[in-house]
């Protein structure tokens, strides 16, 4: 797969999420972007595209949120507040990472050495209040 780059207006986020979903080759998606770039907002659009009735909210304080799909589930992580790899281990991260469920991971750089193999990265850049740039890449270890 080649890298995919898209620019979208916020009112096109649902159709953009559908396009991205068609290009996913992994169930482990790493989300990069500055604070306020729209990572959780895009994850919410992804849930909708995957036919989940759940609403994505930022798991900044809980570290992980769980969303239901028809025959699967999504674990949505926000590692912004993780101070050390030890914190991640204490949290039981391996049980989640090797569950074979979808993993949507915000701030993955905080737990880089623990990340599973064969992930994909979505990088979101805020262009202005209404437009975002998105880059989807595949990562192989």
N, C-alpha and C. Protein backbone atom coordinates (compact mmCIF):
# COMPACT_ATOMS: atom_id res chain seq x y z
N UNK A 1 0.84 -1.18 0.00
CA UNK A 1 0.00 0.00 0.00
C UNK A 1 0.88 1.24 0.00
N UNK A 2 0.50 2.20 -0.79
CA UNK A 2 1.20 3.48 -0.77
C UNK A 2 0.60 4.33 0.34
N UNK A 3 1.32 5.38 0.68
CA UNK A 3 0.78 6.34 1.63
C UNK A 3 -0.41 7.04 0.97
N UNK A 4 -1.39 7.39 1.78
CA UNK A 4 -2.56 8.11 1.27
C UNK A 4 -2.61 9.45 1.98
N UNK A 5 -2.76 10.51 1.21
CA UNK A 5 -2.88 11.83 1.81
C UNK A 5 -4.19 12.46 1.35
N UNK A 6 -4.93 12.97 2.31
CA UNK A 6 -6.23 13.58 2.03
C UNK A 6 -6.33 14.91 2.76
N UNK A 7 -6.99 15.86 2.15
CA UNK A 7 -7.35 17.09 2.84
C UNK A 7 -8.86 17.11 2.90
N UNK A 8 -9.40 17.42 4.06
CA UNK A 8 -10.86 17.41 4.19
C UNK A 8 -11.35 18.58 5.02
N UNK A 9 -12.57 18.99 4.70
CA UNK A 9 -13.29 19.99 5.48
C UNK A 9 -14.02 19.22 6.57
N UNK A 10 -14.20 19.80 7.73
CA UNK A 10 -14.84 19.09 8.83
C UNK A 10 -16.21 18.52 8.46
N UNK A 11 -16.93 19.19 7.54
CA UNK A 11 -18.23 18.64 7.13
C UNK A 11 -18.09 17.44 6.19
N UNK A 12 -16.85 17.07 5.83
CA UNK A 12 -16.58 15.89 5.00
C UNK A 12 -15.93 14.77 5.80
N UNK A 13 -15.90 14.92 7.13
CA UNK A 13 -15.15 13.97 7.97
C UNK A 13 -15.71 12.55 7.87
N UNK A 14 -17.03 12.40 7.76
CA UNK A 14 -17.61 11.05 7.69
C UNK A 14 -17.21 10.34 6.40
N UNK A 15 -17.25 11.04 5.27
CA UNK A 15 -16.86 10.40 4.01
C UNK A 15 -15.35 10.15 3.98
N UNK A 16 -14.58 11.00 4.64
CA UNK A 16 -13.13 10.79 4.72
C UNK A 16 -12.83 9.56 5.56
N UNK A 17 -13.55 9.38 6.66
CA UNK A 17 -13.35 8.19 7.50
C UNK A 17 -13.67 6.91 6.72
N UNK A 18 -14.72 6.94 5.91
CA UNK A 18 -15.07 5.79 5.07
C UNK A 18 -13.94 5.46 4.10
N UNK A 19 -13.35 6.50 3.48
CA UNK A 19 -12.23 6.29 2.55
C UNK A 19 -11.04 5.66 3.27
N UNK A 20 -10.72 6.18 4.45
CA UNK A 20 -9.59 5.66 5.22
C UNK A 20 -9.84 4.20 5.59
N UNK A 21 -11.05 3.91 6.02
CA UNK A 21 -11.41 2.54 6.44
C UNK A 21 -11.13 1.52 5.34
N UNK A 22 -11.37 1.90 4.10
CA UNK A 22 -11.15 1.00 2.96
C UNK A 22 -9.68 0.67 2.75
N UNK A 23 -8.79 1.51 3.30
CA UNK A 23 -7.35 1.33 3.10
C UNK A 23 -6.65 0.75 4.33
N UNK A 24 -7.40 0.41 5.35
CA UNK A 24 -6.77 -0.14 6.54
C UNK A 24 -6.40 -1.60 6.32
N UNK A 25 -5.16 -1.93 6.62
CA UNK A 25 -4.66 -3.30 6.49
C UNK A 25 -4.28 -3.86 7.86
N UNK A 26 -4.49 -3.07 8.89
CA UNK A 26 -4.14 -3.47 10.25
C UNK A 26 -5.29 -3.05 11.18
N UNK A 27 -5.40 -3.73 12.30
CA UNK A 27 -6.39 -3.34 13.31
C UNK A 27 -5.75 -2.46 14.39
N UNK A 28 -4.48 -2.13 14.19
CA UNK A 28 -3.78 -1.27 15.14
C UNK A 28 -3.43 0.04 14.45
N UNK A 29 -4.14 1.10 14.86
CA UNK A 29 -3.99 2.40 14.21
C UNK A 29 -3.41 3.39 15.21
N UNK A 30 -2.29 3.98 14.84
CA UNK A 30 -1.60 4.97 15.67
C UNK A 30 -1.99 6.36 15.18
N UNK A 31 -2.50 7.17 16.08
CA UNK A 31 -2.94 8.52 15.72
C UNK A 31 -1.94 9.55 16.23
N UNK A 32 -1.41 10.33 15.28
CA UNK A 32 -0.49 11.41 15.61
C UNK A 32 -1.12 12.73 15.23
N UNK A 33 -0.77 13.75 15.98
CA UNK A 33 -1.27 15.10 15.70
C UNK A 33 -1.14 15.90 16.98
N UNK A 34 -1.05 17.21 16.81
CA UNK A 34 -0.94 18.07 17.99
C UNK A 34 -2.21 18.03 18.80
N UNK A 35 -2.13 18.51 20.01
CA UNK A 35 -3.31 18.68 20.86
C UNK A 35 -4.30 19.58 20.10
N UNK A 36 -5.53 19.12 19.97
CA UNK A 36 -6.55 19.91 19.29
C UNK A 36 -6.59 19.75 17.78
N UNK A 37 -5.78 18.83 17.23
CA UNK A 37 -5.76 18.63 15.78
C UNK A 37 -7.04 17.93 15.29
N UNK A 38 -7.68 17.16 16.17
CA UNK A 38 -8.91 16.48 15.77
C UNK A 38 -8.79 14.97 15.75
N UNK A 39 -7.88 14.41 16.53
CA UNK A 39 -7.70 12.95 16.54
C UNK A 39 -8.96 12.25 17.06
N UNK A 40 -9.45 12.67 18.21
CA UNK A 40 -10.65 12.03 18.77
C UNK A 40 -11.86 12.28 17.89
N UNK A 41 -11.95 13.45 17.30
CA UNK A 41 -13.05 13.76 16.38
C UNK A 41 -13.02 12.81 15.19
N UNK A 42 -11.81 12.53 14.67
CA UNK A 42 -11.70 11.61 13.54
C UNK A 42 -12.02 10.18 13.98
N UNK A 43 -11.57 9.81 15.18
CA UNK A 43 -11.89 8.48 15.71
C UNK A 43 -13.40 8.31 15.82
N UNK A 44 -14.08 9.36 16.22
CA UNK A 44 -15.54 9.30 16.30
C UNK A 44 -16.15 9.04 14.92
N UNK A 45 -15.61 9.69 13.90
CA UNK A 45 -16.08 9.46 12.53
C UNK A 45 -15.77 8.03 12.09
N UNK A 46 -14.63 7.49 12.53
CA UNK A 46 -14.28 6.10 12.22
C UNK A 46 -15.29 5.14 12.85
N UNK A 47 -15.68 5.40 14.11
CA UNK A 47 -16.68 4.56 14.77
C UNK A 47 -17.96 4.51 13.95
N UNK A 48 -18.38 5.69 13.51
CA UNK A 48 -19.60 5.79 12.71
C UNK A 48 -19.46 4.98 11.41
N UNK A 49 -18.29 5.11 10.76
CA UNK A 49 -18.03 4.39 9.51
C UNK A 49 -18.01 2.87 9.73
N UNK A 50 -17.68 2.46 10.96
CA UNK A 50 -17.61 1.03 11.30
C UNK A 50 -18.94 0.54 11.90
N UNK A 51 -19.96 1.37 11.83
CA UNK A 51 -21.32 1.03 12.29
C UNK A 51 -21.42 0.80 13.78
N UNK A 52 -20.61 1.53 14.55
CA UNK A 52 -20.74 1.47 16.02
C UNK A 52 -21.76 2.52 16.44
N UNK A 53 -22.53 2.19 17.45
CA UNK A 53 -23.49 3.16 17.99
C UNK A 53 -22.85 4.00 19.09
N UNK A 54 -21.60 3.71 19.43
CA UNK A 54 -20.93 4.43 20.49
C UNK A 54 -20.39 5.77 19.98
N UNK A 55 -20.16 6.67 20.93
CA UNK A 55 -19.60 7.98 20.63
C UNK A 55 -18.20 8.02 21.26
N UNK A 56 -17.21 8.37 20.46
CA UNK A 56 -15.85 8.45 20.97
C UNK A 56 -15.68 9.69 21.82
N UNK A 57 -15.12 9.49 22.99
CA UNK A 57 -14.72 10.61 23.84
C UNK A 57 -13.26 10.39 24.20
N UNK A 58 -12.57 11.45 24.49
CA UNK A 58 -11.14 11.33 24.77
C UNK A 58 -10.91 10.59 26.08
N UNK A 59 -10.12 9.50 26.03
CA UNK A 59 -9.83 8.75 27.25
C UNK A 59 -8.60 9.29 28.00
N UNK A 60 -8.43 10.62 27.98
CA UNK A 60 -7.25 11.22 28.59
C UNK A 60 -7.08 10.79 30.04
N UNK A 61 -8.16 10.76 30.80
CA UNK A 61 -8.04 10.43 32.22
C UNK A 61 -8.22 8.94 32.49
N UNK A 62 -9.07 8.28 31.71
CA UNK A 62 -9.28 6.84 31.91
C UNK A 62 -8.23 6.00 31.20
N UNK A 63 -7.47 6.59 30.30
CA UNK A 63 -6.44 5.98 29.45
C UNK A 63 -7.04 5.14 28.33
N UNK A 64 -8.12 4.38 28.60
CA UNK A 64 -8.71 3.58 27.53
C UNK A 64 -10.23 3.65 27.61
N UNK A 65 -10.85 3.76 26.45
CA UNK A 65 -12.30 3.62 26.31
C UNK A 65 -12.56 2.41 25.43
N UNK A 66 -13.66 1.75 25.66
CA UNK A 66 -14.03 0.58 24.86
C UNK A 66 -15.32 0.90 24.11
N UNK A 67 -15.32 0.61 22.81
CA UNK A 67 -16.51 0.82 21.97
C UNK A 67 -16.90 -0.51 21.35
N UNK A 68 -18.19 -0.70 21.18
CA UNK A 68 -18.69 -1.96 20.63
C UNK A 68 -18.92 -1.86 19.13
N UNK A 69 -18.57 -2.95 18.45
CA UNK A 69 -18.92 -3.15 17.05
C UNK A 69 -19.81 -4.38 17.00
N UNK A 70 -20.41 -4.64 15.85
CA UNK A 70 -21.31 -5.79 15.75
C UNK A 70 -20.63 -7.08 16.19
N UNK A 71 -19.44 -7.38 15.66
CA UNK A 71 -18.76 -8.64 15.99
C UNK A 71 -17.35 -8.42 16.55
N UNK A 72 -17.10 -7.25 17.10
CA UNK A 72 -15.75 -6.95 17.56
C UNK A 72 -15.84 -5.79 18.55
N UNK A 73 -14.70 -5.27 18.95
CA UNK A 73 -14.69 -4.07 19.77
C UNK A 73 -13.45 -3.25 19.44
N UNK A 74 -13.49 -2.02 19.86
CA UNK A 74 -12.37 -1.10 19.65
C UNK A 74 -11.91 -0.63 21.02
N UNK A 75 -10.61 -0.68 21.25
CA UNK A 75 -10.02 -0.06 22.42
C UNK A 75 -9.36 1.23 21.96
N UNK A 76 -9.79 2.34 22.53
CA UNK A 76 -9.29 3.67 22.17
C UNK A 76 -8.43 4.17 23.33
N UNK A 77 -7.14 4.32 23.07
CA UNK A 77 -6.19 4.74 24.09
C UNK A 77 -5.76 6.19 23.90
N UNK A 78 -5.49 6.84 25.00
CA UNK A 78 -4.86 8.15 24.99
C UNK A 78 -3.73 8.08 26.03
N UNK A 79 -2.49 8.00 25.54
CA UNK A 79 -1.35 7.84 26.43
C UNK A 79 -0.69 9.17 26.79
N UNK A 80 -1.38 10.26 26.57
CA UNK A 80 -0.80 11.58 26.86
C UNK A 80 -0.32 11.68 28.30
N UNK A 81 -1.07 11.11 29.23
CA UNK A 81 -0.76 11.24 30.65
C UNK A 81 0.13 10.12 31.20
N UNK A 82 0.49 9.15 30.36
CA UNK A 82 1.38 8.07 30.81
C UNK A 82 2.77 8.67 31.04
N UNK A 83 3.30 8.45 32.23
CA UNK A 83 4.61 9.02 32.58
C UNK A 83 5.76 8.09 32.22
N UNK A 84 5.48 6.77 32.23
CA UNK A 84 6.57 5.82 31.99
C UNK A 84 6.00 4.51 31.44
N UNK A 85 6.88 3.71 30.90
CA UNK A 85 6.50 2.39 30.41
C UNK A 85 5.94 1.56 31.58
N UNK A 86 6.50 1.78 32.75
CA UNK A 86 6.04 1.09 33.96
C UNK A 86 4.54 1.36 34.19
N UNK A 87 4.13 2.62 33.99
CA UNK A 87 2.70 2.96 34.12
C UNK A 87 1.86 2.12 33.17
N UNK A 88 2.36 1.96 31.96
CA UNK A 88 1.62 1.18 30.95
C UNK A 88 1.52 -0.28 31.38
N UNK A 89 2.61 -0.83 31.88
CA UNK A 89 2.56 -2.22 32.35
C UNK A 89 1.60 -2.38 33.52
N UNK A 90 1.63 -1.44 34.45
CA UNK A 90 0.74 -1.50 35.61
C UNK A 90 -0.72 -1.44 35.19
N UNK A 91 -0.96 -0.81 34.07
CA UNK A 91 -2.30 -0.64 33.53
C UNK A 91 -2.79 -1.91 32.82
N UNK A 92 -1.86 -2.84 32.54
CA UNK A 92 -2.23 -4.09 31.88
C UNK A 92 -2.27 -3.97 30.37
N UNK A 93 -1.39 -3.16 29.84
CA UNK A 93 -1.41 -2.84 28.42
C UNK A 93 -1.31 -4.06 27.51
N UNK A 94 -0.53 -5.07 27.92
CA UNK A 94 -0.34 -6.24 27.04
C UNK A 94 -1.65 -6.96 26.77
N UNK A 95 -2.50 -7.03 27.77
CA UNK A 95 -3.80 -7.70 27.59
C UNK A 95 -4.59 -7.04 26.47
N UNK A 96 -4.53 -5.73 26.40
CA UNK A 96 -5.23 -5.00 25.35
C UNK A 96 -4.53 -5.17 24.00
N UNK A 97 -3.20 -4.97 24.01
CA UNK A 97 -2.44 -4.95 22.77
C UNK A 97 -2.44 -6.29 22.04
N UNK A 98 -2.64 -7.38 22.76
CA UNK A 98 -2.63 -8.69 22.11
C UNK A 98 -3.99 -9.36 22.15
N UNK A 99 -5.04 -8.54 22.15
CA UNK A 99 -6.41 -9.04 22.25
C UNK A 99 -7.03 -9.38 20.90
N UNK A 100 -6.38 -8.98 19.80
CA UNK A 100 -6.92 -9.14 18.45
C UNK A 100 -8.16 -8.28 18.19
N UNK A 101 -8.37 -7.28 19.03
CA UNK A 101 -9.43 -6.31 18.77
C UNK A 101 -8.79 -5.08 18.13
N UNK A 102 -9.63 -4.17 17.65
CA UNK A 102 -9.14 -2.92 17.09
C UNK A 102 -8.48 -2.10 18.19
N UNK A 103 -7.36 -1.46 17.86
CA UNK A 103 -6.68 -0.56 18.78
C UNK A 103 -6.51 0.79 18.09
N UNK A 104 -7.10 1.82 18.65
CA UNK A 104 -6.91 3.19 18.17
C UNK A 104 -6.10 3.89 19.26
N UNK A 105 -4.88 4.29 18.93
CA UNK A 105 -3.93 4.76 19.94
C UNK A 105 -3.50 6.20 19.68
N UNK A 106 -3.90 7.09 20.60
CA UNK A 106 -3.43 8.47 20.56
C UNK A 106 -2.19 8.60 21.43
N UNK A 107 -1.25 9.43 21.03
CA UNK A 107 0.03 9.64 21.70
C UNK A 107 0.81 8.31 21.82
N UNK A 108 0.93 7.54 20.71
CA UNK A 108 1.61 6.24 20.76
C UNK A 108 3.10 6.35 21.07
N UNK A 109 3.69 7.52 20.81
CA UNK A 109 5.12 7.69 21.07
C UNK A 109 5.47 7.50 22.54
N UNK A 110 4.48 7.63 23.43
CA UNK A 110 4.73 7.45 24.87
C UNK A 110 4.93 5.98 25.25
N UNK A 111 4.51 5.07 24.38
CA UNK A 111 4.65 3.63 24.67
C UNK A 111 5.28 2.91 23.48
N UNK A 112 6.11 3.64 22.75
CA UNK A 112 6.63 3.16 21.48
C UNK A 112 7.20 1.74 21.52
N UNK A 113 8.00 1.42 22.55
CA UNK A 113 8.64 0.10 22.58
C UNK A 113 7.66 -1.03 22.84
N UNK A 114 6.42 -0.71 23.24
CA UNK A 114 5.43 -1.74 23.53
C UNK A 114 4.46 -1.98 22.36
N UNK A 115 4.52 -1.13 21.36
CA UNK A 115 3.55 -1.22 20.27
C UNK A 115 3.66 -2.53 19.50
N UNK A 116 2.51 -3.10 19.13
CA UNK A 116 2.53 -4.32 18.31
C UNK A 116 3.15 -4.06 16.94
N UNK A 117 3.47 -5.14 16.25
CA UNK A 117 4.00 -5.02 14.88
C UNK A 117 2.86 -4.75 13.91
N UNK A 118 3.22 -4.36 12.69
CA UNK A 118 2.26 -4.15 11.60
C UNK A 118 1.12 -3.21 11.99
N UNK A 119 1.50 -1.99 12.25
CA UNK A 119 0.53 -0.96 12.57
C UNK A 119 0.36 -0.03 11.38
N UNK A 120 -0.66 0.80 11.44
CA UNK A 120 -0.80 1.88 10.47
C UNK A 120 -0.88 3.18 11.24
N UNK A 121 -0.43 4.24 10.61
CA UNK A 121 -0.40 5.55 11.25
C UNK A 121 -1.31 6.51 10.51
N UNK A 122 -2.09 7.24 11.30
CA UNK A 122 -2.88 8.35 10.77
C UNK A 122 -2.33 9.61 11.44
N UNK A 123 -1.82 10.51 10.62
CA UNK A 123 -1.32 11.79 11.13
C UNK A 123 -2.29 12.88 10.67
N UNK A 124 -2.80 13.62 11.64
CA UNK A 124 -3.77 14.69 11.33
C UNK A 124 -3.11 16.03 11.63
N UNK A 125 -3.19 16.92 10.65
CA UNK A 125 -2.65 18.27 10.80
C UNK A 125 -3.79 19.26 10.61
N UNK A 126 -3.90 20.19 11.54
CA UNK A 126 -4.92 21.24 11.46
C UNK A 126 -4.42 22.32 10.50
N UNK A 127 -5.15 22.51 9.40
CA UNK A 127 -4.77 23.53 8.42
C UNK A 127 -5.37 24.88 8.80
N UNK A 128 -6.63 24.86 9.22
CA UNK A 128 -7.31 26.03 9.76
C UNK A 128 -8.49 25.52 10.58
N UNK A 129 -9.39 26.38 10.99
CA UNK A 129 -10.49 25.94 11.87
C UNK A 129 -11.38 24.87 11.24
N UNK A 130 -11.48 24.88 9.92
CA UNK A 130 -12.42 23.99 9.23
C UNK A 130 -11.78 22.86 8.42
N UNK A 131 -10.47 22.94 8.18
CA UNK A 131 -9.84 21.97 7.29
C UNK A 131 -8.69 21.25 7.98
N UNK A 132 -8.56 19.96 7.62
CA UNK A 132 -7.49 19.13 8.16
C UNK A 132 -6.80 18.39 7.01
N UNK A 133 -5.56 18.06 7.25
CA UNK A 133 -4.80 17.21 6.35
C UNK A 133 -4.60 15.89 7.07
N UNK A 134 -4.76 14.79 6.36
CA UNK A 134 -4.62 13.46 6.95
C UNK A 134 -3.67 12.65 6.09
N UNK A 135 -2.75 11.96 6.75
CA UNK A 135 -1.83 11.07 6.04
C UNK A 135 -1.94 9.70 6.68
N UNK A 136 -2.19 8.68 5.86
CA UNK A 136 -2.28 7.29 6.30
C UNK A 136 -1.07 6.55 5.78
N UNK A 137 -0.32 5.91 6.68
CA UNK A 137 0.86 5.15 6.28
C UNK A 137 0.82 3.78 6.93
N UNK A 138 1.51 2.84 6.32
CA UNK A 138 1.63 1.50 6.88
C UNK A 138 3.02 1.36 7.50
N UNK A 139 3.09 0.73 8.65
CA UNK A 139 4.38 0.55 9.34
C UNK A 139 4.62 -0.93 9.51
N UNK A 140 5.77 -1.39 9.10
CA UNK A 140 6.13 -2.81 9.32
C UNK A 140 7.40 -2.81 10.14
N UNK A 141 7.42 -3.68 11.14
CA UNK A 141 8.65 -3.80 11.95
C UNK A 141 9.47 -4.94 11.44
